[in-house]
């Protein structure tokens, strides 16, 4: 499976591509950080990120895009910018019919390091080790993008199967409730007929 991982951000947006192999084998194919200056107009910054995402999607042809799920941070403006960057990447993927999966920071840390509370240095060290890289990816946004892609390689298929199972369970529950309502309706009709006699 070929996964494009994205660590969204307006100033620095990490983008990486990995490919999973047998077992837990993962190979890094490419990694970069898209930078936009804070002096640039917001719409222009988002356009730069969108174009970079389009280039990556068209060049590398991933099967799925894994994006970090944005949580409210202390600075609302930072969270807003991160969410906007994630949105334009998701849009570029959706325009190409690609699935987009969101992973929480703690989910990514747990997948890569074994601890949902790992710091950036631990994540970078484990990404370097997992991918067999000679030097750690820098800046941290690049390592985070690789970590997101690795997380999806290892957890994405299981998460997808769980969501499919949950959807099937909901459908079965709805079908059961519909049959139950129909049986109750028929019972009322029969009871009404007997009362008329």
C-alpha atoms as a PDB file:
ATOM      1  CA  UNK A   1       0.000   0.000   0.000  1.00  0.00           C
ATOM      2  CA  UNK A   2       1.309   3.435  -0.940  1.00  0.00           C
ATOM      3  CA  UNK A   3       0.421   6.103   1.640  1.00  0.00           C
ATOM      4  CA  UNK A   4       0.919   9.846   1.535  1.00  0.00           C
ATOM      5  CA  UNK A   5       1.246  11.216   5.061  1.00  0.00           C
ATOM      6  CA  UNK A   6       0.565  14.876   5.765  1.00  0.00           C
ATOM      7  CA  UNK A   7       1.458  16.855   8.881  1.00  0.00           C
ATOM      8  CA  UNK A   8      -0.635  19.955   8.124  1.00  0.00           C
ATOM      9  CA  UNK A   9       0.473  23.464   8.905  1.00  0.00           C
ATOM     10  CA  UNK A  10       0.499  26.868   7.269  1.00  0.00           C
ATOM     11  CA  UNK A  11       4.127  27.782   7.933  1.00  0.00           C
ATOM     12  CA  UNK A  12       5.443  24.241   7.486  1.00  0.00           C
ATOM     13  CA  UNK A  13       3.392  21.391   6.002  1.00  0.00           C
ATOM     14  CA  UNK A  14       5.158  18.035   6.078  1.00  0.00           C
ATOM     15  CA  UNK A  15       4.399  15.643   3.219  1.00  0.00           C
ATOM     16  CA  UNK A  16       5.782  12.117   2.920  1.00  0.00           C
ATOM     17  CA  UNK A  17       5.243   8.999   0.864  1.00  0.00           C
ATOM     18  CA  UNK A  18       5.832   5.480   2.138  1.00  0.00           C
ATOM     19  CA  UNK A  19       5.072   2.028   0.839  1.00  0.00           C
ATOM     20  CA  UNK A  20       4.223  -0.920   3.048  1.00  0.00           C
ATOM     21  CA  UNK A  21       5.605  -4.362   2.349  1.00  0.00           C
ATOM     22  CA  UNK A  22       5.302  -7.759   3.976  1.00  0.00           C
ATOM     23  CA  UNK A  23       4.502  -7.701   7.672  1.00  0.00           C
ATOM     24  CA  UNK A  24       5.403  -4.357   9.197  1.00  0.00           C
ATOM     25  CA  UNK A  25       7.998  -3.448   6.570  1.00  0.00           C
ATOM     26  CA  UNK A  26       7.711   0.174   5.458  1.00  0.00           C
ATOM     27  CA  UNK A  27       9.889   1.972   2.908  1.00  0.00           C
ATOM     28  CA  UNK A  28      10.199   5.755   2.625  1.00  0.00           C
ATOM     29  CA  UNK A  29       9.871   6.907  -0.981  1.00  0.00           C
ATOM     30  CA  UNK A  30       9.940  10.690  -0.578  1.00  0.00           C
ATOM     31  CA  UNK A  31       9.568  13.410   2.046  1.00  0.00           C
ATOM     32  CA  UNK A  32       9.475  17.199   1.949  1.00  0.00           C
ATOM     33  CA  UNK A  33       8.197  20.222   3.822  1.00  0.00           C
ATOM     34  CA  UNK A  34       6.116  22.895   2.074  1.00  0.00           C
ATOM     35  CA  UNK A  35       6.857  26.303   3.561  1.00  0.00           C
ATOM     36  CA  UNK A  36       4.853  29.516   3.297  1.00  0.00           C
ATOM     37  CA  UNK A  37       5.851  32.814   4.921  1.00  0.00           C
ATOM     38  CA  UNK A  38       3.538  34.353   7.493  1.00  0.00           C
ATOM     39  CA  UNK A  39       3.687  37.630   5.535  1.00  0.00           C
ATOM     40  CA  UNK A  40       1.880  36.010   2.590  1.00  0.00           C
ATOM     41  CA  UNK A  41      -1.901  36.362   2.246  1.00  0.00           C
ATOM     42  CA  UNK A  42      -3.792  33.407   3.782  1.00  0.00           C
ATOM     43  CA  UNK A  43      -5.505  32.485   0.511  1.00  0.00           C
ATOM     44  CA  UNK A  44      -2.135  32.456  -1.263  1.00  0.00           C
ATOM     45  CA  UNK A  45      -0.592  30.280   1.453  1.00  0.00           C
ATOM     46  CA  UNK A  46      -3.420  27.766   1.116  1.00  0.00           C
ATOM     47  CA  UNK A  47      -3.028  27.810  -2.663  1.00  0.00           C
ATOM     48  CA  UNK A  48       0.688  26.970  -2.341  1.00  0.00           C
ATOM     49  CA  UNK A  49      -0.142  24.015  -0.062  1.00  0.00           C
ATOM     50  CA  UNK A  50      -2.962  22.863  -2.355  1.00  0.00           C
ATOM     51  CA  UNK A  51      -0.704  22.969  -5.418  1.00  0.00           C
ATOM     52  CA  UNK A  52       2.037  21.071  -3.596  1.00  0.00           C
ATOM     53  CA  UNK A  53      -0.486  18.413  -2.539  1.00  0.00           C
ATOM     54  CA  UNK A  54      -1.757  18.148  -6.114  1.00  0.00           C
ATOM     55  CA  UNK A  55       1.804  17.743  -7.391  1.00  0.00           C
ATOM     56  CA  UNK A  56       2.517  14.980  -4.880  1.00  0.00           C
ATOM     57  CA  UNK A  57      -0.751  13.194  -5.631  1.00  0.00           C
ATOM     58  CA  UNK A  58      -0.240  13.342  -9.399  1.00  0.00           C
ATOM     59  CA  UNK A  59       3.449  12.443  -9.256  1.00  0.00           C
ATOM     60  CA  UNK A  60       3.420   9.679  -6.647  1.00  0.00           C
ATOM     61  CA  UNK A  61      -0.122   8.307  -7.057  1.00  0.00           C
ATOM     62  CA  UNK A  62      -0.732   7.179  -3.466  1.00  0.00           C
ATOM     63  CA  UNK A  63      -3.623   4.844  -2.677  1.00  0.00           C
ATOM     64  CA  UNK A  64      -4.646   6.735   0.451  1.00  0.00           C
ATOM     65  CA  UNK A  65      -3.817  10.024   2.177  1.00  0.00           C
ATOM     66  CA  UNK A  66      -3.254  10.039   5.954  1.00  0.00           C
ATOM     67  CA  UNK A  67      -3.657  13.432   7.612  1.00  0.00           C
ATOM     68  CA  UNK A  68      -3.176  14.432  11.230  1.00  0.00           C
ATOM     69  CA  UNK A  69      -6.507  15.172  12.900  1.00  0.00           C
ATOM     70  CA  UNK A  70      -6.485  18.734  14.189  1.00  0.00           C
ATOM     71  CA  UNK A  71      -7.339  19.373  17.816  1.00  0.00           C
ATOM     72  CA  UNK A  72      -7.992  22.709  19.496  1.00  0.00           C
ATOM     73  CA  UNK A  73      -4.713  24.104  20.693  1.00  0.00           C
ATOM     74  CA  UNK A  74      -3.921  26.943  23.055  1.00  0.00           C
ATOM     75  CA  UNK A  75      -3.682  29.346  20.145  1.00  0.00           C
ATOM     76  CA  UNK A  76      -6.902  29.268  18.162  1.00  0.00           C
ATOM     77  CA  UNK A  77      -5.242  30.936  15.167  1.00  0.00           C
ATOM     78  CA  UNK A  78      -2.664  28.116  14.983  1.00  0.00           C
ATOM     79  CA  UNK A  79      -5.389  25.462  15.129  1.00  0.00           C
ATOM     80  CA  UNK A  80      -7.381  27.310  12.466  1.00  0.00           C
ATOM     81  CA  UNK A  81      -4.395  27.498  10.108  1.00  0.00           C
ATOM     82  CA  UNK A  82      -3.593  23.828  10.663  1.00  0.00           C
ATOM     83  CA  UNK A  83      -7.202  22.852   9.965  1.00  0.00           C
ATOM     84  CA  UNK A  84      -7.274  24.973   6.815  1.00  0.00           C
ATOM     85  CA  UNK A  85      -4.062  23.366   5.534  1.00  0.00           C
ATOM     86  CA  UNK A  86      -5.498  19.903   6.277  1.00  0.00           C
ATOM     87  CA  UNK A  87      -8.671  20.895   4.433  1.00  0.00           C
ATOM     88  CA  UNK A  88      -6.951  21.875   1.192  1.00  0.00           C
ATOM     89  CA  UNK A  89      -4.919  18.641   1.208  1.00  0.00           C
ATOM     90  CA  UNK A  90      -8.098  16.602   1.805  1.00  0.00           C
ATOM     91  CA  UNK A  91      -9.787  18.536  -1.017  1.00  0.00           C
ATOM     92  CA  UNK A  92      -6.957  17.735  -3.453  1.00  0.00           C
ATOM     93  CA  UNK A  93      -7.222  14.032  -2.554  1.00  0.00           C
ATOM     94  CA  UNK A  94     -11.023  14.004  -2.815  1.00  0.00           C
ATOM     95  CA  UNK A  95     -10.841  15.634  -6.251  1.00  0.00           C
ATOM     96  CA  UNK A  96      -8.874  12.571  -7.346  1.00  0.00           C
ATOM     97  CA  UNK A  97     -11.218  10.091  -5.693  1.00  0.00           C
ATOM     98  CA  UNK A  98      -8.649   9.101  -3.071  1.00  0.00           C
ATOM     99  CA  UNK A  99      -9.654   8.128   0.455  1.00  0.00           C
ATOM    100  CA  UNK A 100      -8.484  10.453   3.222  1.00  0.00           C
ATOM    101  CA  UNK A 101      -7.978   9.045   6.709  1.00  0.00           C
ATOM    102  CA  UNK A 102      -7.395  11.163   9.786  1.00  0.00           C
ATOM    103  CA  UNK A 103      -5.249  10.017  12.707  1.00  0.00           C
ATOM    104  CA  UNK A 104      -4.876  11.722  16.075  1.00  0.00           C
ATOM    105  CA  UNK A 105      -1.413  12.757  17.262  1.00  0.00           C
ATOM    106  CA  UNK A 106      -1.567  10.282  20.164  1.00  0.00           C
ATOM    107  CA  UNK A 107      -2.623   7.475  17.787  1.00  0.00           C
ATOM    108  CA  UNK A 108       0.375   8.211  15.563  1.00  0.00           C
ATOM    109  CA  UNK A 109       2.778   8.386  18.507  1.00  0.00           C
ATOM    110  CA  UNK A 110       1.452   5.110  19.923  1.00  0.00           C
ATOM    111  CA  UNK A 111       1.758   3.361  16.558  1.00  0.00           C
ATOM    112  CA  UNK A 112       5.330   4.479  15.986  1.00  0.00           C
ATOM    113  CA  UNK A 113       6.820   4.557  19.508  1.00  0.00           C
ATOM    114  CA  UNK A 114       4.451   2.446  21.600  1.00  0.00           C
ATOM    115  CA  UNK A 115       3.473   5.457  23.716  1.00  0.00           C
ATOM    116  CA  UNK A 116       0.773   8.017  22.930  1.00  0.00           C
ATOM    117  CA  UNK A 117       2.719  10.549  25.008  1.00  0.00           C
ATOM    118  CA  UNK A 118       6.041  10.325  23.159  1.00  0.00           C
ATOM    119  CA  UNK A 119       7.793  13.603  22.393  1.00  0.00           C
ATOM    120  CA  UNK A 120       8.949  14.779  18.969  1.00  0.00           C
ATOM    121  CA  UNK A 121      12.505  13.517  19.520  1.00  0.00           C
ATOM    122  CA  UNK A 122      11.231  10.003  20.302  1.00  0.00           C
ATOM    123  CA  UNK A 123       8.969  10.016  17.237  1.00  0.00           C
ATOM    124  CA  UNK A 124      11.838  11.162  15.008  1.00  0.00           C
ATOM    125  CA  UNK A 125      14.176   8.522  16.450  1.00  0.00           C
ATOM    126  CA  UNK A 126      11.670   5.712  15.877  1.00  0.00           C
ATOM    127  CA  UNK A 127      10.782   6.902  12.356  1.00  0.00           C
ATOM    128  CA  UNK A 128      14.501   6.915  11.531  1.00  0.00           C
ATOM    129  CA  UNK A 129      14.871   3.392  12.905  1.00  0.00           C
ATOM    130  CA  UNK A 130      11.701   1.943  11.328  1.00  0.00           C
ATOM    131  CA  UNK A 131      12.617   3.281   7.897  1.00  0.00           C
ATOM    132  CA  UNK A 132      16.304   2.399   8.217  1.00  0.00           C
ATOM    133  CA  UNK A 133      17.347   5.961   7.447  1.00  0.00           C
ATOM    134  CA  UNK A 134      20.992   7.032   7.831  1.00  0.00           C
ATOM    135  CA  UNK A 135      20.064  10.434   9.271  1.00  0.00           C
ATOM    136  CA  UNK A 136      16.910  11.615  11.050  1.00  0.00           C
ATOM    137  CA  UNK A 137      14.421  13.473   8.826  1.00  0.00           C
ATOM    138  CA  UNK A 138      14.380  17.208   9.497  1.00  0.00           C
ATOM    139  CA  UNK A 139      12.559  19.351  10.373  1.00  0.00           C
ATOM    140  CA  UNK A 140      10.150  17.634  12.779  1.00  0.00           C
ATOM    141  CA  UNK A 141       7.302  18.223  10.304  1.00  0.00           C
ATOM    142  CA  UNK A 142       8.988  15.821   7.863  1.00  0.00           C
ATOM    143  CA  UNK A 143       9.359  13.163  10.571  1.00  0.00           C
ATOM    144  CA  UNK A 144       5.728  13.697  11.604  1.00  0.00           C
ATOM    145  CA  UNK A 145       4.525  13.245   8.016  1.00  0.00           C
ATOM    146  CA  UNK A 146       6.490   9.983   7.775  1.00  0.00           C
ATOM    147  CA  UNK A 147       5.078   8.885  11.150  1.00  0.00           C
ATOM    148  CA  UNK A 148       1.529   9.536   9.916  1.00  0.00           C
ATOM    149  CA  UNK A 149       2.119   7.429   6.821  1.00  0.00           C
ATOM    150  CA  UNK A 150       3.660   4.613   8.894  1.00  0.00           C
ATOM    151  CA  UNK A 151       0.746   4.762  11.339  1.00  0.00           C
ATOM    152  CA  UNK A 152      -1.729   4.356   8.512  1.00  0.00           C
ATOM    153  CA  UNK A 153       0.202   1.453   7.001  1.00  0.00           C
ATOM    154  CA  UNK A 154       0.048  -0.357  10.320  1.00  0.00           C
ATOM    155  CA  UNK A 155      -3.360   0.712  11.645  1.00  0.00           C
ATOM    156  CA  UNK A 156      -5.353   1.919   8.650  1.00  0.00           C
ATOM    157  CA  UNK A 157      -6.480  -1.467   7.277  1.00  0.00           C
ATOM    158  CA  UNK A 158      -7.630  -2.588  10.736  1.00  0.00           C
ATOM    159  CA  UNK A 159      -9.444   0.713  11.318  1.00  0.00           C
ATOM    160  CA  UNK A 160     -11.130   0.402   7.903  1.00  0.00           C
ATOM    161  CA  UNK A 161     -12.312  -3.151   8.684  1.00  0.00           C
ATOM    162  CA  UNK A 162     -13.677  -2.003  12.047  1.00  0.00           C
ATOM    163  CA  UNK A 163     -15.573   0.855  10.387  1.00  0.00           C
ATOM    164  CA  UNK A 164     -16.972  -1.537   7.763  1.00  0.00           C
ATOM    165  CA  UNK A 165     -18.060  -3.957  10.501  1.00  0.00           C
ATOM    166  CA  UNK A 166     -19.704  -1.109  12.430  1.00  0.00           C
ATOM    167  CA  UNK A 167     -21.530   0.022   9.270  1.00  0.00           C
ATOM    168  CA  UNK A 168     -22.772  -3.543   8.630  1.00  0.00           C
ATOM    169  CA  UNK A 169     -23.939  -3.789  12.249  1.00  0.00           C
ATOM    170  CA  UNK A 170     -25.861  -0.505  11.900  1.00  0.00           C
ATOM    171  CA  UNK A 171     -27.498  -1.745   8.682  1.00  0.00           C
ATOM    172  CA  UNK A 172     -28.469  -5.039  10.329  1.00  0.00           C
ATOM    173  CA  UNK A 173     -29.871  -3.147  13.319  1.00  0.00           C
ATOM    174  CA  UNK A 174     -31.925  -0.881  11.050  1.00  0.00           C
ATOM    175  CA  UNK A 175     -33.237  -3.884   9.087  1.00  0.00           C
ATOM    176  CA  UNK A 176     -34.153  -5.638  12.359  1.00  0.00           C
ATOM    177  CA  UNK A 177     -36.010  -2.559  13.630  1.00  0.00           C
ATOM    178  CA  UNK A 178     -37.877  -2.286  10.317  1.00  0.00           C
ATOM    179  CA  UNK A 179     -38.951  -5.956  10.549  1.00  0.00           C
ATOM    180  CA  UNK A 180     -39.990  -5.426  14.167  1.00  0.00           C
ATOM    181  CA  UNK A 181     -42.103  -2.382  13.244  1.00  0.00           C
ATOM    182  CA  UNK A 182     -43.740  -4.340  10.423  1.00  0.00           C
ATOM    183  CA  UNK A 183     -44.519  -7.266  12.763  1.00  0.00           C
ATOM    184  CA  UNK A 184     -46.033  -4.858  15.310  1.00  0.00           C
ATOM    185  CA  UNK A 185     -48.130  -3.222  12.589  1.00  0.00           C
ATOM    186  CA  UNK A 186     -49.410  -6.606  11.428  1.00  0.00           C
ATOM    187  CA  UNK A 187     -50.169  -7.613  15.031  1.00  0.00           C
ATOM    188  CA  UNK A 188     -52.252  -4.441  15.481  1.00  0.00           C
ATOM    189  CA  UNK A 189     -54.172  -5.186  12.282  1.00  0.00           C
ATOM    190  CA  UNK A 190     -54.906  -8.764  13.430  1.00  0.00           C
ATOM    191  CA  UNK A 191     -55.902  -7.543  16.896  1.00  0.00           C
ATOM    192  CA  UNK A 192     -58.176  -4.911  15.349  1.00  0.00           C
ATOM    193  CA  UNK A 193     -59.830  -7.559  13.136  1.00  0.00           C
ATOM    194  CA  UNK A 194     -60.521  -9.859  16.104  1.00  0.00           C
ATOM    195  CA  UNK A 195     -61.988  -6.996  18.123  1.00  0.00           C
ATOM    196  CA  UNK A 196     -64.394  -6.240  15.258  1.00  0.00           C
ATOM    197  CA  UNK A 197     -65.732  -9.812  15.460  1.00  0.00           C
END
